[in-house]
Amino acid sequence: MKKRHLVLFAICSAVLIQCSNPSASGGAGDTDGTETPGTETPGTETPGTTPETPDAGTPGTETPVTETPNPDAKNCSLTDLVTSAGYWETAFASETTSYSLLEIPQTSATGMTCTATAGATGQTLKIKVNSGDLTAMTSGTAAALNPALELGDNTVTISVVSPDGTETRDYTVTARVFKVDASVVGFGNIQNPGSASGSVGGSRTFYGQVYVSGITESAGAPAGIHAQFAVGPDGTDPRTGDRWRYYNASWHVQADNNDEFEYTLTLPGATGTYKYAFRYSQDGKTWAYGDFGGQLGTLTVTN
């Protein structure tokens, strides 16, 4: 009996000790068995004081990229235009589009070339002869005339298209080509004078005769005969030179079986020595030249 009381006492003592020792269960904070909430203050997290940096570029202030306009975009002018044969009556100028060459002997016109120099990078250059097709040409490079110039009147056209393709300008060069053949007439000459002189601005009249069998024997102006007076630089020959000027002569008088023509020349504006001749043709393209005793006439012009 006493032993059972002692055991019961011991159990009760253990229970009391457990109840009075809080560290035995639940930890130091468990004073009443209720978990103490965390001490972190809700909503008190300090936000970052440096806001997120936006894109460096400020909206609406970006500088637009501006394309510089090409000042030559609509340029359709050439800076130069030359031919390998023929004498230009007017010097080339970019804004002048029509030109004429003095007459060219066929021997010089054969293989004739044309060189055009573009006025702007990117231009398109093309060339044609008479009614032929336009063909490409390169700026600054001699282009062969294809087809070649023919006897009589010709027109060479150089077409220039601006770099932007919106503007076109055509330059034209007219050239007359002739052939020399003494057999187209039976006889032709400078009748008189064989030489002449005068002052600048003055005038002189020259005469030449021609014979063509079956045509010139009849009285009056011969049908189908062309006569011209020619004058050019000293030291050159009209049969091969391209710096001679030609003027239509008028029928003057019947001289036996010959017909005589005349031309009154206004003397050149520059002093110096010149040569002259007559020439005759039946078609206006192939000519026989007449001189004075085997020599061209000599013209001296003074002040």
C-alpha atoms as a PDB file:
ATOM      1  CA  MET A   1       0.000   0.000   0.000  1.00  0.00           C
ATOM      2  CA  LYS A   2       2.754   2.453   0.981  1.00  0.00           C
ATOM      3  CA  LYS A   3       4.707   1.504  -2.153  1.00  0.00           C
ATOM      4  CA  ARG A   4       1.774   2.322  -4.516  1.00  0.00           C
ATOM      5  CA  HIS A   5       1.375   5.739  -2.821  1.00  0.00           C
ATOM      6  CA  LEU A   6       5.012   6.533  -3.461  1.00  0.00           C
ATOM      7  CA  VAL A   7       4.745   5.729  -7.183  1.00  0.00           C
ATOM      8  CA  LEU A   8       1.651   7.849  -7.580  1.00  0.00           C
ATOM      9  CA  PHE A   9       3.407  10.720  -5.833  1.00  0.00           C
ATOM     10  CA  ALA A  10       6.340  10.484  -8.146  1.00  0.00           C
ATOM     11  CA  ILE A  11       4.095  10.626 -11.236  1.00  0.00           C
ATOM     12  CA  CYS A  12       2.247  13.643  -9.920  1.00  0.00           C
ATOM     13  CA  SER A  13       5.499  15.427  -9.132  1.00  0.00           C
ATOM     14  CA  ALA A  14       6.735  14.872 -12.696  1.00  0.00           C
ATOM     15  CA  VAL A  15       3.538  16.282 -14.103  1.00  0.00           C
ATOM     16  CA  LEU A  16       3.842  19.393 -11.992  1.00  0.00           C
ATOM     17  CA  ILE A  17       7.444  19.950 -12.983  1.00  0.00           C
ATOM     18  CA  GLN A  18       6.530  19.630 -16.708  1.00  0.00           C
ATOM     19  CA  CYS A  19       3.711  22.156 -16.391  1.00  0.00           C
ATOM     20  CA  SER A  20       5.878  24.695 -14.646  1.00  0.00           C
ATOM     21  CA  ASN A  21       8.809  24.496 -17.144  1.00  0.00           C
ATOM     22  CA  PRO A  22       7.825  26.354 -20.357  1.00  0.00           C
ATOM     23  CA  SER A  23      11.066  25.461 -22.130  1.00  0.00           C
ATOM     24  CA  ALA A  24      10.167  21.850 -22.027  1.00  0.00           C
ATOM     25  CA  SER A  25       7.719  22.278 -24.943  1.00  0.00           C
ATOM     26  CA  GLY A  26       6.817  24.974 -27.487  1.00  0.00           C
ATOM     27  CA  GLY A  27       9.962  27.167 -27.096  1.00  0.00           C
ATOM     28  CA  ALA A  28      10.539  30.363 -25.115  1.00  0.00           C
ATOM     29  CA  GLY A  29       7.821  32.299 -26.862  1.00  0.00           C
ATOM     30  CA  ASP A  30       5.016  29.846 -26.055  1.00  0.00           C
ATOM     31  CA  THR A  31       3.750  31.295 -22.817  1.00  0.00           C
ATOM     32  CA  ASP A  32       0.187  30.280 -23.317  1.00  0.00           C
ATOM     33  CA  GLY A  33       0.380  27.861 -26.178  1.00  0.00           C
ATOM     34  CA  THR A  34      -0.473  30.619 -28.699  1.00  0.00           C
ATOM     35  CA  GLU A  35       2.129  31.304 -31.432  1.00  0.00           C
ATOM     36  CA  THR A  36       3.256  34.907 -31.347  1.00  0.00           C
ATOM     37  CA  PRO A  37       2.990  36.440 -34.785  1.00  0.00           C
ATOM     38  CA  GLY A  38       6.178  37.645 -36.491  1.00  0.00           C
ATOM     39  CA  THR A  39       7.318  41.146 -35.557  1.00  0.00           C
ATOM     40  CA  GLU A  40       7.870  42.208 -39.231  1.00  0.00           C
ATOM     41  CA  THR A  41       5.698  45.223 -39.842  1.00  0.00           C
ATOM     42  CA  PRO A  42       3.479  44.551 -42.806  1.00  0.00           C
ATOM     43  CA  GLY A  43       3.595  47.124 -45.646  1.00  0.00           C
ATOM     44  CA  THR A  44       6.650  48.863 -44.262  1.00  0.00           C
ATOM     45  CA  GLU A  45       9.082  47.583 -46.902  1.00  0.00           C
ATOM     46  CA  THR A  46      10.999  50.588 -48.111  1.00  0.00           C
ATOM     47  CA  PRO A  47      10.494  50.945 -51.839  1.00  0.00           C
ATOM     48  CA  GLY A  48      13.531  51.529 -54.029  1.00  0.00           C
ATOM     49  CA  THR A  49      14.291  55.254 -54.055  1.00  0.00           C
ATOM     50  CA  THR A  50      15.742  55.146 -57.630  1.00  0.00           C
ATOM     51  CA  PRO A  51      12.981  54.732 -60.217  1.00  0.00           C
ATOM     52  CA  GLU A  52      13.596  52.500 -63.226  1.00  0.00           C
ATOM     53  CA  THR A  53      15.474  54.461 -65.883  1.00  0.00           C
ATOM     54  CA  PRO A  54      13.460  54.776 -69.081  1.00  0.00           C
ATOM     55  CA  ASP A  55      14.995  54.586 -72.604  1.00  0.00           C
ATOM     56  CA  ALA A  56      17.653  57.206 -73.169  1.00  0.00           C
ATOM     57  CA  GLY A  57      15.788  58.735 -76.080  1.00  0.00           C
ATOM     58  CA  THR A  58      13.132  61.189 -75.035  1.00  0.00           C
ATOM     59  CA  PRO A  59       9.874  60.295 -76.792  1.00  0.00           C
ATOM     60  CA  GLY A  60       9.044  62.743 -79.604  1.00  0.00           C
ATOM     61  CA  THR A  61      12.456  64.435 -79.659  1.00  0.00           C
ATOM     62  CA  GLU A  62      14.318  62.014 -81.990  1.00  0.00           C
ATOM     63  CA  THR A  63      15.912  63.961 -84.882  1.00  0.00           C
ATOM     64  CA  PRO A  64      14.538  62.677 -88.200  1.00  0.00           C
ATOM     65  CA  VAL A  65      17.071  61.551 -90.827  1.00  0.00           C
ATOM     66  CA  THR A  66      16.896  64.023 -93.721  1.00  0.00           C
ATOM     67  CA  GLU A  67      18.144  62.934 -97.130  1.00  0.00           C
ATOM     68  CA  THR A  68      20.051  65.727 -98.891  1.00  0.00           C
ATOM     69  CA  PRO A  69      18.492  66.289-102.324  1.00  0.00           C
ATOM     70  CA  ASN A  70      20.754  65.795-105.331  1.00  0.00           C
ATOM     71  CA  PRO A  71      21.153  69.235-106.954  1.00  0.00           C
ATOM     72  CA  ASP A  72      21.868  67.533-110.289  1.00  0.00           C
ATOM     73  CA  ALA A  73      18.899  65.149-110.199  1.00  0.00           C
ATOM     74  CA  LYS A  74      17.179  66.971-113.064  1.00  0.00           C
ATOM     75  CA  ASN A  75      20.311  68.026-114.929  1.00  0.00           C
ATOM     76  CA  CYS A  76      20.050  67.040-118.592  1.00  0.00           C
ATOM     77  CA  SER A  77      22.787  69.286-119.999  1.00  0.00           C
ATOM     78  CA  LEU A  78      26.118  68.410-121.567  1.00  0.00           C
ATOM     79  CA  THR A  79      29.332  70.227-120.708  1.00  0.00           C
ATOM     80  CA  ASP A  80      30.981  69.515-124.062  1.00  0.00           C
ATOM     81  CA  LEU A  81      30.253  68.056-127.477  1.00  0.00           C
ATOM     82  CA  VAL A  82      32.804  67.537-130.267  1.00  0.00           C
ATOM     83  CA  THR A  83      33.089  65.692-133.569  1.00  0.00           C
ATOM     84  CA  SER A  84      36.198  64.221-135.125  1.00  0.00           C
ATOM     85  CA  ALA A  85      35.495  65.965-138.445  1.00  0.00           C
ATOM     86  CA  GLY A  86      33.639  69.074-139.539  1.00  0.00           C
ATOM     87  CA  TYR A  87      34.112  72.685-138.531  1.00  0.00           C
ATOM     88  CA  TRP A  88      31.614  74.059-136.002  1.00  0.00           C
ATOM     89  CA  GLU A  89      30.129  77.375-137.061  1.00  0.00           C
ATOM     90  CA  THR A  90      29.173  78.102-133.426  1.00  0.00           C
ATOM     91  CA  ALA A  91      31.176  77.116-130.351  1.00  0.00           C
ATOM     92  CA  PHE A  92      29.439  74.641-128.034  1.00  0.00           C
ATOM     93  CA  ALA A  93      27.479  75.975-125.047  1.00  0.00           C
ATOM     94  CA  SER A  94      25.456  73.798-122.649  1.00  0.00           C
ATOM     95  CA  GLU A  95      22.218  75.731-123.107  1.00  0.00           C
ATOM     96  CA  THR A  96      22.429  75.816-126.916  1.00  0.00           C
ATOM     97  CA  THR A  97      20.979  72.645-128.421  1.00  0.00           C
ATOM     98  CA  SER A  98      21.253  73.112-132.227  1.00  0.00           C
ATOM     99  CA  TYR A  99      24.499  73.314-134.206  1.00  0.00           C
ATOM    100  CA  SER A 100      25.659  73.203-137.818  1.00  0.00           C
ATOM    101  CA  LEU A 101      28.957  72.057-139.270  1.00  0.00           C
ATOM    102  CA  LEU A 102      30.526  73.411-142.399  1.00  0.00           C
ATOM    103  CA  GLU A 103      30.396  70.955-145.285  1.00  0.00           C
ATOM    104  CA  ILE A 104      32.475  67.825-144.909  1.00  0.00           C
ATOM    105  CA  PRO A 105      34.174  65.911-147.746  1.00  0.00           C
ATOM    106  CA  GLN A 106      33.187  62.274-147.802  1.00  0.00           C
ATOM    107  CA  THR A 107      36.771  61.218-147.183  1.00  0.00           C
ATOM    108  CA  SER A 108      36.677  63.009-143.808  1.00  0.00           C
ATOM    109  CA  ALA A 109      33.148  61.913-142.894  1.00  0.00           C
ATOM    110  CA  THR A 110      34.057  58.238-143.210  1.00  0.00           C
ATOM    111  CA  GLY A 111      34.711  56.942-139.685  1.00  0.00           C
ATOM    112  CA  MET A 112      33.582  60.193-138.090  1.00  0.00           C
ATOM    113  CA  THR A 113      32.960  60.040-134.321  1.00  0.00           C
ATOM    114  CA  CYS A 114      31.137  62.164-131.756  1.00  0.00           C
ATOM    115  CA  THR A 115      32.153  62.698-128.124  1.00  0.00           C
ATOM    116  CA  ALA A 116      29.678  64.003-125.530  1.00  0.00           C
ATOM    117  CA  THR A 117      30.599  64.920-121.952  1.00  0.00           C
ATOM    118  CA  ALA A 118      27.837  64.556-119.345  1.00  0.00           C
ATOM    119  CA  GLY A 119      26.956  67.479-117.111  1.00  0.00           C
ATOM    120  CA  ALA A 120      26.118  65.277-114.100  1.00  0.00           C
ATOM    121  CA  THR A 121      26.877  61.823-112.743  1.00  0.00           C
ATOM    122  CA  GLY A 122      24.078  59.401-113.489  1.00  0.00           C
ATOM    123  CA  GLN A 123      22.918  60.918-116.781  1.00  0.00           C
ATOM    124  CA  THR A 124      21.989  58.563-119.608  1.00  0.00           C
ATOM    125  CA  LEU A 125      23.453  59.460-123.012  1.00  0.00           C
ATOM    126  CA  LYS A 126      22.317  58.071-126.355  1.00  0.00           C
ATOM    127  CA  ILE A 127      23.082  58.934-129.974  1.00  0.00           C
ATOM    128  CA  LYS A 128      21.475  58.406-133.359  1.00  0.00           C
ATOM    129  CA  VAL A 129      22.113  59.397-136.966  1.00  0.00           C
ATOM    130  CA  ASN A 130      19.167  60.677-139.006  1.00  0.00           C
ATOM    131  CA  SER A 131      16.193  58.345-138.433  1.00  0.00           C
ATOM    132  CA  GLY A 132      18.277  55.505-136.970  1.00  0.00           C
ATOM    133  CA  ASP A 133      17.852  53.993-133.525  1.00  0.00           C
ATOM    134  CA  LEU A 134      19.202  55.604-130.371  1.00  0.00           C
ATOM    135  CA  THR A 135      22.222  53.698-129.055  1.00  0.00           C
ATOM    136  CA  ALA A 136      24.040  54.104-125.746  1.00  0.00           C
ATOM    137  CA  MET A 137      27.165  56.210-125.542  1.00  0.00           C
ATOM    138  CA  THR A 138      29.623  56.770-122.681  1.00  0.00           C
ATOM    139  CA  SER A 139      30.449  60.235-121.405  1.00  0.00           C
ATOM    140  CA  GLY A 140      33.852  61.405-122.621  1.00  0.00           C
ATOM    141  CA  THR A 141      34.289  58.462-125.018  1.00  0.00           C
ATOM    142  CA  ALA A 142      34.197  58.830-128.800  1.00  0.00           C
ATOM    143  CA  ALA A 143      31.153  57.103-130.272  1.00  0.00           C
ATOM    144  CA  ALA A 144      31.174  55.934-133.887  1.00  0.00           C
ATOM    145  CA  LEU A 145      28.333  57.243-136.015  1.00  0.00           C
ATOM    146  CA  ASN A 146      26.211  54.250-136.930  1.00  0.00           C
ATOM    147  CA  PRO A 147      25.054  54.333-139.614  1.00  0.00           C
ATOM    148  CA  ALA A 148      27.760  56.531-141.083  1.00  0.00           C
ATOM    149  CA  LEU A 149      26.886  59.947-142.482  1.00  0.00           C
ATOM    150  CA  GLU A 150      25.474  59.756-145.985  1.00  0.00           C
ATOM    151  CA  LEU A 151      25.951  62.111-148.917  1.00  0.00           C
ATOM    152  CA  GLY A 152      23.848  65.222-148.509  1.00  0.00           C
ATOM    153  CA  ASP A 153      22.209  66.487-145.327  1.00  0.00           C
ATOM    154  CA  ASN A 154      22.489  64.607-142.035  1.00  0.00           C
ATOM    155  CA  THR A 155      21.319  65.184-138.477  1.00  0.00           C
ATOM    156  CA  VAL A 156      23.124  63.687-135.494  1.00  0.00           C
ATOM    157  CA  THR A 157      21.050  63.656-132.291  1.00  0.00           C
ATOM    158  CA  ILE A 158      22.471  63.232-128.791  1.00  0.00           C
ATOM    159  CA  SER A 159      19.749  62.542-126.216  1.00  0.00           C
ATOM    160  CA  VAL A 160      20.488  63.303-122.546  1.00  0.00           C
ATOM    161  CA  VAL A 161      18.272  61.970-119.719  1.00  0.00           C
ATOM    162  CA  SER A 162      18.652  63.444-116.221  1.00  0.00           C
ATOM    163  CA  PRO A 163      19.836  61.246-113.294  1.00  0.00           C
ATOM    164  CA  ASP A 164      16.301  60.980-111.887  1.00  0.00           C
ATOM    165  CA  GLY A 165      14.908  60.042-115.309  1.00  0.00           C
ATOM    166  CA  THR A 166      12.361  62.870-115.433  1.00  0.00           C
ATOM    167  CA  GLU A 167      14.039  65.322-117.832  1.00  0.00           C
ATOM    168  CA  THR A 168      15.331  64.880-121.385  1.00  0.00           C
ATOM    169  CA  ARG A 169      17.234  67.234-123.669  1.00  0.00           C
ATOM    170  CA  ASP A 170      18.221  66.596-127.284  1.00  0.00           C
ATOM    171  CA  TYR A 171      21.252  68.196-128.889  1.00  0.00           C
ATOM    172  CA  THR A 172      21.348  68.170-132.696  1.00  0.00           C
ATOM    173  CA  VAL A 173      24.260  68.644-135.075  1.00  0.00           C
ATOM    174  CA  THR A 174      23.546  69.016-138.791  1.00  0.00           C
ATOM    175  CA  ALA A 175      26.238  68.117-141.292  1.00  0.00           C
ATOM    176  CA  ARG A 176      26.280  68.092-145.074  1.00  0.00           C
ATOM    177  CA  VAL A 177      28.591  65.591-146.743  1.00  0.00           C
ATOM    178  CA  PHE A 178      29.812  65.916-150.319  1.00  0.00           C
ATOM    179  CA  LYS A 179      31.775  63.781-152.747  1.00  0.00           C
ATOM    180  CA  VAL A 180      34.406  64.967-155.219  1.00  0.00           C
ATOM    181  CA  ASP A 181      34.265  63.611-158.783  1.00  0.00           C
ATOM    182  CA  ALA A 182      35.621  65.662-161.676  1.00  0.00           C
ATOM    183  CA  SER A 183      33.737  63.540-164.214  1.00  0.00           C
ATOM    184  CA  VAL A 184      30.288  64.902-163.283  1.00  0.00           C
ATOM    185  CA  VAL A 185      30.945  67.825-165.687  1.00  0.00           C
ATOM    186  CA  GLY A 186      32.916  68.092-168.907  1.00  0.00           C
ATOM    187  CA  PHE A 187      34.654  71.298-167.858  1.00  0.00           C
ATOM    188  CA  GLY A 188      34.527  73.831-165.004  1.00  0.00           C
ATOM    189  CA  ASN A 189      36.696  76.760-163.962  1.00  0.00           C
ATOM    190  CA  ILE A 190      37.172  80.109-162.287  1.00  0.00           C
ATOM    191  CA  GLN A 191      36.651  82.362-165.282  1.00  0.00           C
ATOM    192  CA  ASN A 192      37.835  85.523-163.547  1.00  0.00           C
ATOM    193  CA  PRO A 193      39.427  86.976-161.598  1.00  0.00           C
ATOM    194  CA  GLY A 194      42.277  84.594-160.795  1.00  0.00           C
ATOM    195  CA  SER A 195      43.121  86.722-157.761  1.00  0.00           C
ATOM    196  CA  ALA A 196      41.403  89.567-155.962  1.00  0.00           C
ATOM    197  CA  SER A 197      41.818  91.967-153.077  1.00  0.00           C
ATOM    198  CA  GLY A 198      39.691  94.339-151.073  1.00  0.00           C
ATOM    199  CA  SER A 199      39.030  95.746-147.648  1.00  0.00           C
ATOM    200  CA  VAL A 200      37.039  94.325-144.753  1.00  0.00           C
ATOM    201  CA  GLY A 201      33.331  94.872-145.372  1.00  0.00           C
ATOM    202  CA  GLY A 202      33.807  95.444-149.095  1.00  0.00           C
ATOM    203  CA  SER A 203      32.605  93.160-151.897  1.00  0.00           C
ATOM    204  CA  ARG A 204      33.904  91.516-155.054  1.00  0.00           C
ATOM    205  CA  THR A 205      32.141  89.657-157.859  1.00  0.00           C
ATOM    206  CA  PHE A 206      33.552  86.396-159.184  1.00  0.00           C
ATOM    207  CA  TYR A 207      32.691  84.411-162.356  1.00  0.00           C
ATOM    208  CA  GLY A 208      32.951  80.738-163.272  1.00  0.00           C
ATOM    209  CA  GLN A 209      32.024  78.696-166.363  1.00  0.00           C
ATOM    210  CA  VAL A 210      30.852  75.098-166.777  1.00  0.00           C
ATOM    211  CA  TYR A 211      30.241  72.757-169.692  1.00  0.00           C
ATOM    212  CA  VAL A 212      28.093  69.605-169.572  1.00  0.00           C
ATOM    213  CA  SER A 213      27.431  67.838-172.854  1.00  0.00           C
ATOM    214  CA  GLY A 214      23.808  67.994-173.917  1.00  0.00           C
ATOM    215  CA  ILE A 215      22.874  70.543-171.237  1.00  0.00           C
ATOM    216  CA  THR A 216      24.892  73.770-171.387  1.00  0.00           C
ATOM    217  CA  GLU A 217      24.844  74.218-175.174  1.00  0.00           C
ATOM    218  CA  SER A 218      21.275  75.505-175.128  1.00  0.00           C
ATOM    219  CA  ALA A 219      20.690  79.190-174.501  1.00  0.00           C
ATOM    220  CA  GLY A 220      19.633  80.230-171.033  1.00  0.00           C
ATOM    221  CA  ALA A 221      20.180  78.830-167.569  1.00  0.00           C
ATOM    222  CA  PRO A 222      21.001  75.107-167.706  1.00  0.00           C
ATOM    223  CA  ALA A 223      18.459  72.768-166.150  1.00  0.00           C
ATOM    224  CA  GLY A 224      19.815  70.598-163.366  1.00  0.00           C
ATOM    225  CA  ILE A 225      23.200  72.279-163.000  1.00  0.00           C
ATOM    226  CA  HIS A 226      24.240  73.540-159.546  1.00  0.00           C
ATOM    227  CA  ALA A 227      27.006  76.105-159.230  1.00  0.00           C
ATOM    228  CA  GLN A 228      28.594  77.379-156.005  1.00  0.00           C
ATOM    229  CA  PHE A 229      31.358  79.768-155.016  1.00  0.00           C
ATOM    230  CA  ALA A 230      33.689  78.523-152.265  1.00  0.00           C
ATOM    231  CA  VAL A 231      36.064  80.424-149.974  1.00  0.00           C
ATOM    232  CA  GLY A 232      38.334  79.049-147.280  1.00  0.00           C
ATOM    233  CA  PRO A 233      41.569  79.470-145.332  1.00  0.00           C
ATOM    234  CA  ASP A 234      44.877  79.916-147.099  1.00  0.00           C
ATOM    235  CA  GLY A 235      46.878  76.702-147.319  1.00  0.00           C
ATOM    236  CA  THR A 236      43.832  74.423-147.535  1.00  0.00           C
ATOM    237  CA  ASP A 237      42.040  72.710-150.425  1.00  0.00           C
ATOM    238  CA  PRO A 238      38.241  72.574-150.679  1.00  0.00           C
ATOM    239  CA  ARG A 239      38.346  69.045-152.077  1.00  0.00           C
ATOM    240  CA  THR A 240      39.773  67.743-148.796  1.00  0.00           C
ATOM    241  CA  GLY A 241      39.230  70.493-146.224  1.00  0.00           C
ATOM    242  CA  ASP A 242      36.254  71.060-143.930  1.00  0.00           C
ATOM    243  CA  ARG A 243      36.640  74.784-143.185  1.00  0.00           C
ATOM    244  CA  TRP A 244      35.302  76.095-146.469  1.00  0.00           C
ATOM    245  CA  ARG A 245      32.088  78.049-146.896  1.00  0.00           C
ATOM    246  CA  TYR A 246      29.858  77.612-149.947  1.00  0.00           C
ATOM    247  CA  TYR A 247      27.467  80.071-151.548  1.00  0.00           C
ATOM    248  CA  ASN A 248      24.979  79.416-154.358  1.00  0.00           C
ATOM    249  CA  ALA A 249      26.016  81.198-157.548  1.00  0.00           C
ATOM    250  CA  SER A 250      23.514  82.668-160.029  1.00  0.00           C
ATOM    251  CA  TRP A 251      23.401  82.053-163.743  1.00  0.00           C
ATOM    252  CA  HIS A 252      24.928  85.033-165.519  1.00  0.00           C
ATOM    253  CA  VAL A 253      25.201  84.521-169.263  1.00  0.00           C
ATOM    254  CA  GLN A 254      25.544  82.017-172.092  1.00  0.00           C
ATOM    255  CA  ALA A 255      29.174  81.762-173.211  1.00  0.00           C
ATOM    256  CA  ASP A 256      29.172  79.697-176.415  1.00  0.00           C
ATOM    257  CA  ASN A 257      28.647  76.102-175.261  1.00  0.00           C
ATOM    258  CA  ASN A 258      29.343  77.032-171.661  1.00  0.00           C
ATOM    259  CA  ASP A 259      27.144  78.581-169.020  1.00  0.00           C
ATOM    260  CA  GLU A 260      28.615  81.290-166.843  1.00  0.00           C
ATOM    261  CA  PHE A 261      27.701  81.814-163.194  1.00  0.00           C
ATOM    262  CA  GLU A 262      28.494  84.688-160.860  1.00  0.00           C
ATOM    263  CA  TYR A 263      28.663  85.370-157.141  1.00  0.00           C
ATOM    264  CA  THR A 264      29.197  88.636-155.298  1.00  0.00           C
ATOM    265  CA  LEU A 265      31.076  87.998-152.060  1.00  0.00           C
ATOM    266  CA  THR A 266      30.986  90.235-149.013  1.00  0.00           C
ATOM    267  CA  LEU A 267      34.632  90.112-147.988  1.00  0.00           C
ATOM    268  CA  PRO A 268      35.511  88.374-144.697  1.00  0.00           C
ATOM    269  CA  GLY A 269      35.576  90.431-141.519  1.00  0.00           C
ATOM    270  CA  ALA A 270      39.142  89.403-140.692  1.00  0.00           C
ATOM    271  CA  THR A 271      42.132  90.612-142.636  1.00  0.00           C
ATOM    272  CA  GLY A 272      44.398  88.020-144.242  1.00  0.00           C
ATOM    273  CA  THR A 273      44.792  85.753-147.252  1.00  0.00           C
ATOM    274  CA  TYR A 274      42.082  83.338-148.380  1.00  0.00           C
ATOM    275  CA  LYS A 275      41.591  80.843-151.195  1.00  0.00           C
ATOM    276  CA  TYR A 276      38.547  80.515-153.436  1.00  0.00           C
ATOM    277  CA  ALA A 277      37.091  78.318-156.188  1.00  0.00           C
ATOM    278  CA  PHE A 278      33.889  77.412-158.054  1.00  0.00           C
ATOM    279  CA  ARG A 279      32.300  73.994-157.996  1.00  0.00           C
ATOM    280  CA  TYR A 280      29.607  72.343-160.154  1.00  0.00           C
ATOM    281  CA  SER A 281      27.196  69.430-159.705  1.00  0.00           C
ATOM    282  CA  GLN A 282      24.151  67.753-161.215  1.00  0.00           C
ATOM    283  CA  ASP A 283      22.721  66.380-157.977  1.00  0.00           C
ATOM    284  CA  GLY A 284      23.992  68.785-155.306  1.00  0.00           C
ATOM    285  CA  LYS A 285      25.989  66.015-153.601  1.00  0.00           C
ATOM    286  CA  THR A 286      28.822  65.084-155.976  1.00  0.00           C
ATOM    287  CA  TRP A 287      30.906  68.032-157.172  1.00  0.00           C
ATOM    288  CA  ALA A 288      33.593  68.907-159.710  1.00  0.00           C
ATOM    289  CA  TYR A 289      35.857  71.809-158.695  1.00  0.00           C
ATOM    290  CA  GLY A 290      36.952  74.567-161.062  1.00  0.00           C
ATOM    291  CA  ASP A 291      40.180  76.526-160.565  1.00  0.00           C
ATOM    292  CA  PHE A 292      42.094  79.192-162.504  1.00  0.00           C
ATOM    293  CA  GLY A 293      44.756  77.685-164.737  1.00  0.00           C
ATOM    294  CA  GLY A 294      45.308  74.811-162.313  1.00  0.00           C
ATOM    295  CA  GLN A 295      45.461  77.043-159.221  1.00  0.00           C
ATOM    296  CA  LEU A 296      42.938  78.081-156.605  1.00  0.00           C
ATOM    297  CA  GLY A 297      42.116  81.774-156.582  1.00  0.00           C
ATOM    298  CA  THR A 298      43.820  83.974-153.981  1.00  0.00           C
ATOM    299  CA  LEU A 299      41.894  86.640-152.062  1.00  0.00           C
ATOM    300  CA  THR A 300      43.656  89.254-149.952  1.00  0.00           C
ATOM    301  CA  VAL A 301      41.627  91.211-147.414  1.00  0.00           C
ATOM    302  CA  THR A 302      42.993  94.362-145.828  1.00  0.00           C
ATOM    303  CA  ASN A 303      41.663  97.058-143.507  1.00  0.00           C
END
